[in-house]
Amino acid sequence: MPVEHHDLIHELPEFKEQIHQLKMEDDRFRKMFDEYHDLTRAVENMENEVLPASTATEEQAKLRRLQLKDEMYTMLKAAAEPA
């Protein structure tokens, strides 16, 4: 079964410009983005069985990734609103 890619640009394509802007201007967003990217890569490796991990470990990584995505989505929505 093919593994889905969950990088932020594919997950939230409507915020492509805001993602770039916040990565350049907001240290907190950039750190969250980097952690999200690292977790996504790790989860994909777990799903492809490249990185052996328990189901619990994989689920914890997915939950943390979802928390990060929710936080970044809130920031992206705020950045997209007219000033």
N, C-alpha and C. Protein backbone atom coordinates (compact mmCIF):
# COMPACT_ATOMS: atom_id res chain seq x y z
N MET A 1 0.85 -1.18 0.00
CA MET A 1 0.00 0.00 0.00
C MET A 1 0.89 1.24 0.00
N PRO A 2 0.66 2.17 -0.93
CA PRO A 2 1.51 3.36 -0.98
C PRO A 2 1.28 4.26 0.24
N VAL A 3 2.36 4.89 0.68
CA VAL A 3 2.29 5.79 1.82
C VAL A 3 1.92 7.18 1.33
N GLU A 4 0.94 7.80 1.99
CA GLU A 4 0.55 9.16 1.63
C GLU A 4 1.60 10.14 2.13
N HIS A 5 1.80 11.20 1.35
CA HIS A 5 2.73 12.25 1.76
C HIS A 5 1.95 13.35 2.48
N HIS A 6 2.44 13.71 3.65
CA HIS A 6 1.73 14.68 4.47
C HIS A 6 2.54 15.95 4.69
N ASP A 7 3.41 16.32 3.75
CA ASP A 7 4.13 17.56 3.95
C ASP A 7 3.12 18.72 3.95
N LEU A 8 3.48 19.79 4.61
CA LEU A 8 2.53 20.88 4.86
C LEU A 8 2.01 21.52 3.58
N ILE A 9 2.82 21.64 2.56
CA ILE A 9 2.37 22.24 1.30
C ILE A 9 1.28 21.40 0.66
N HIS A 10 1.39 20.07 0.74
CA HIS A 10 0.35 19.20 0.19
C HIS A 10 -0.89 19.20 1.07
N GLU A 11 -0.70 19.33 2.37
CA GLU A 11 -1.83 19.33 3.30
C GLU A 11 -2.63 20.63 3.25
N LEU A 12 -1.92 21.75 3.07
CA LEU A 12 -2.57 23.07 3.11
C LEU A 12 -2.12 23.92 1.91
N PRO A 13 -2.42 23.48 0.69
CA PRO A 13 -1.91 24.20 -0.48
C PRO A 13 -2.44 25.62 -0.60
N GLU A 14 -3.59 25.90 -0.02
CA GLU A 14 -4.16 27.24 -0.09
C GLU A 14 -3.36 28.26 0.72
N PHE A 15 -2.44 27.78 1.57
CA PHE A 15 -1.63 28.66 2.40
C PHE A 15 -0.16 28.67 1.97
N LYS A 16 0.10 28.33 0.73
CA LYS A 16 1.49 28.22 0.26
C LYS A 16 2.27 29.52 0.51
N GLU A 17 1.67 30.66 0.17
CA GLU A 17 2.38 31.94 0.35
C GLU A 17 2.61 32.24 1.83
N GLN A 18 1.59 31.98 2.66
CA GLN A 18 1.72 32.25 4.09
C GLN A 18 2.75 31.32 4.73
N ILE A 19 2.81 30.06 4.27
CA ILE A 19 3.81 29.14 4.81
C ILE A 19 5.21 29.70 4.54
N HIS A 20 5.45 30.13 3.32
CA HIS A 20 6.76 30.69 2.99
C HIS A 20 7.05 31.94 3.82
N GLN A 21 6.06 32.82 3.91
CA GLN A 21 6.23 34.07 4.66
C GLN A 21 6.54 33.80 6.13
N LEU A 22 5.77 32.93 6.76
CA LEU A 22 5.98 32.67 8.18
C LEU A 22 7.30 31.93 8.43
N LYS A 23 7.69 31.05 7.52
CA LYS A 23 8.98 30.37 7.68
C LYS A 23 10.12 31.38 7.68
N MET A 24 9.98 32.45 6.89
CA MET A 24 11.02 33.46 6.79
C MET A 24 11.00 34.46 7.95
N GLU A 25 9.80 34.73 8.50
CA GLU A 25 9.66 35.84 9.44
C GLU A 25 9.36 35.44 10.88
N ASP A 26 8.94 34.21 11.12
CA ASP A 26 8.48 33.82 12.46
C ASP A 26 9.27 32.60 12.95
N ASP A 27 10.13 32.83 13.95
CA ASP A 27 10.97 31.75 14.46
C ASP A 27 10.16 30.60 15.02
N ARG A 28 9.08 30.91 15.74
CA ARG A 28 8.24 29.86 16.33
C ARG A 28 7.62 29.00 15.24
N PHE A 29 7.08 29.63 14.19
CA PHE A 29 6.49 28.88 13.09
C PHE A 29 7.55 28.02 12.41
N ARG A 30 8.72 28.59 12.18
CA ARG A 30 9.79 27.86 11.50
C ARG A 30 10.18 26.61 12.29
N LYS A 31 10.28 26.73 13.62
CA LYS A 31 10.64 25.58 14.46
C LYS A 31 9.54 24.52 14.40
N MET A 32 8.29 24.97 14.45
CA MET A 32 7.18 24.02 14.35
C MET A 32 7.17 23.35 12.98
N PHE A 33 7.40 24.14 11.93
CA PHE A 33 7.45 23.61 10.57
C PHE A 33 8.54 22.54 10.45
N ASP A 34 9.71 22.83 10.98
CA ASP A 34 10.83 21.88 10.91
C ASP A 34 10.50 20.60 11.69
N GLU A 35 9.91 20.75 12.87
CA GLU A 35 9.53 19.56 13.65
C GLU A 35 8.47 18.75 12.90
N TYR A 36 7.49 19.44 12.30
CA TYR A 36 6.45 18.77 11.52
C TYR A 36 7.08 17.99 10.36
N HIS A 37 8.00 18.63 9.66
CA HIS A 37 8.68 17.99 8.53
C HIS A 37 9.46 16.76 8.98
N ASP A 38 10.19 16.88 10.10
CA ASP A 38 10.97 15.76 10.62
C ASP A 38 10.05 14.61 11.05
N LEU A 39 8.95 14.94 11.71
CA LEU A 39 7.99 13.91 12.12
C LEU A 39 7.36 13.23 10.91
N THR A 40 7.04 14.01 9.90
CA THR A 40 6.45 13.44 8.69
C THR A 40 7.40 12.43 8.06
N ARG A 41 8.66 12.79 7.97
CA ARG A 41 9.66 11.88 7.40
C ARG A 41 9.78 10.61 8.26
N ALA A 42 9.79 10.79 9.59
CA ALA A 42 9.90 9.64 10.49
C ALA A 42 8.68 8.72 10.37
N VAL A 43 7.49 9.31 10.30
CA VAL A 43 6.27 8.51 10.18
C VAL A 43 6.27 7.75 8.86
N GLU A 44 6.66 8.41 7.78
CA GLU A 44 6.73 7.73 6.49
C GLU A 44 7.71 6.56 6.54
N ASN A 45 8.84 6.75 7.23
CA ASN A 45 9.81 5.66 7.37
C ASN A 45 9.25 4.52 8.22
N MET A 46 8.48 4.86 9.24
CA MET A 46 7.84 3.82 10.06
C MET A 46 6.80 3.07 9.24
N GLU A 47 6.01 3.79 8.47
CA GLU A 47 4.97 3.16 7.66
C GLU A 47 5.57 2.28 6.57
N ASN A 48 6.72 2.68 6.04
CA ASN A 48 7.41 1.89 5.02
C ASN A 48 8.29 0.80 5.63
N GLU A 49 8.29 0.73 6.95
CA GLU A 49 9.08 -0.23 7.71
C GLU A 49 10.58 -0.07 7.48
N VAL A 50 10.99 1.15 7.14
CA VAL A 50 12.41 1.49 7.04
C VAL A 50 12.95 1.71 8.44
N LEU A 51 12.11 2.29 9.29
CA LEU A 51 12.46 2.58 10.67
C LEU A 51 11.55 1.73 11.57
N PRO A 52 12.09 0.66 12.15
CA PRO A 52 11.25 -0.19 13.00
C PRO A 52 10.75 0.59 14.22
N ALA A 53 9.45 0.48 14.48
CA ALA A 53 8.86 1.19 15.62
C ALA A 53 7.58 0.47 16.03
N SER A 54 7.26 0.61 17.29
CA SER A 54 6.01 0.02 17.77
C SER A 54 4.84 0.85 17.26
N THR A 55 3.68 0.24 17.28
CA THR A 55 2.47 0.96 16.87
C THR A 55 2.25 2.18 17.76
N ALA A 56 2.52 2.03 19.05
CA ALA A 56 2.34 3.15 19.98
C ALA A 56 3.26 4.32 19.62
N THR A 57 4.50 4.02 19.28
CA THR A 57 5.46 5.07 18.90
C THR A 57 4.99 5.78 17.64
N GLU A 58 4.54 5.01 16.67
CA GLU A 58 4.04 5.60 15.42
C GLU A 58 2.82 6.47 15.68
N GLU A 59 1.91 6.00 16.51
CA GLU A 59 0.70 6.77 16.82
C GLU A 59 1.04 8.05 17.58
N GLN A 60 2.03 8.00 18.48
CA GLN A 60 2.44 9.20 19.21
C GLN A 60 3.03 10.23 18.25
N ALA A 61 3.81 9.78 17.30
CA ALA A 61 4.40 10.69 16.31
C ALA A 61 3.29 11.32 15.46
N LYS A 62 2.32 10.53 15.07
CA LYS A 62 1.21 11.05 14.26
C LYS A 62 0.38 12.07 15.07
N LEU A 63 0.17 11.79 16.35
CA LEU A 63 -0.59 12.72 17.19
C LEU A 63 0.16 14.04 17.35
N ARG A 64 1.46 13.98 17.60
CA ARG A 64 2.26 15.21 17.72
C ARG A 64 2.24 15.99 16.41
N ARG A 65 2.34 15.28 15.29
CA ARG A 65 2.30 15.94 13.98
C ARG A 65 0.96 16.65 13.79
N LEU A 66 -0.13 16.01 14.20
CA LEU A 66 -1.45 16.63 14.09
C LEU A 66 -1.56 17.87 14.98
N GLN A 67 -1.01 17.80 16.18
CA GLN A 67 -1.01 18.97 17.07
C GLN A 67 -0.26 20.14 16.43
N LEU A 68 0.89 19.84 15.86
CA LEU A 68 1.68 20.88 15.19
C LEU A 68 0.90 21.47 14.02
N LYS A 69 0.28 20.61 13.24
CA LYS A 69 -0.49 21.07 12.08
C LYS A 69 -1.62 21.98 12.52
N ASP A 70 -2.31 21.63 13.59
CA ASP A 70 -3.39 22.47 14.10
C ASP A 70 -2.89 23.84 14.52
N GLU A 71 -1.77 23.87 15.24
CA GLU A 71 -1.19 25.14 15.68
C GLU A 71 -0.77 25.99 14.48
N MET A 72 -0.11 25.36 13.53
CA MET A 72 0.35 26.10 12.35
C MET A 72 -0.83 26.57 11.51
N TYR A 73 -1.88 25.77 11.42
CA TYR A 73 -3.08 26.17 10.67
C TYR A 73 -3.68 27.45 11.26
N THR A 74 -3.74 27.52 12.58
CA THR A 74 -4.24 28.73 13.24
C THR A 74 -3.37 29.93 12.88
N MET A 75 -2.07 29.75 12.90
CA MET A 75 -1.16 30.84 12.56
C MET A 75 -1.30 31.23 11.09
N LEU A 76 -1.47 30.25 10.22
CA LEU A 76 -1.61 30.51 8.80
C LEU A 76 -2.91 31.26 8.49
N LYS A 77 -3.98 30.87 9.15
CA LYS A 77 -5.26 31.57 8.97
C LYS A 77 -5.14 33.03 9.37
N ALA A 78 -4.48 33.28 10.49
CA ALA A 78 -4.29 34.65 10.97
C ALA A 78 -3.43 35.44 9.99
N ALA A 79 -2.42 34.81 9.42
CA ALA A 79 -1.54 35.51 8.46
C ALA A 79 -2.26 35.79 7.16
N ALA A 80 -3.26 35.00 6.83
CA ALA A 80 -3.98 35.17 5.58
C ALA A 80 -5.07 36.23 5.67
N GLU A 81 -5.47 36.60 6.89
CA GLU A 81 -6.52 37.60 7.07
C GLU A 81 -6.00 38.98 6.71
N PRO A 82 -6.86 39.78 6.04
CA PRO A 82 -6.45 41.16 5.71
C PRO A 82 -6.18 41.97 6.98
N ALA A 83 -5.20 42.81 6.90
CA ALA A 83 -4.82 43.62 8.08
C ALA A 83 -5.79 44.74 8.34
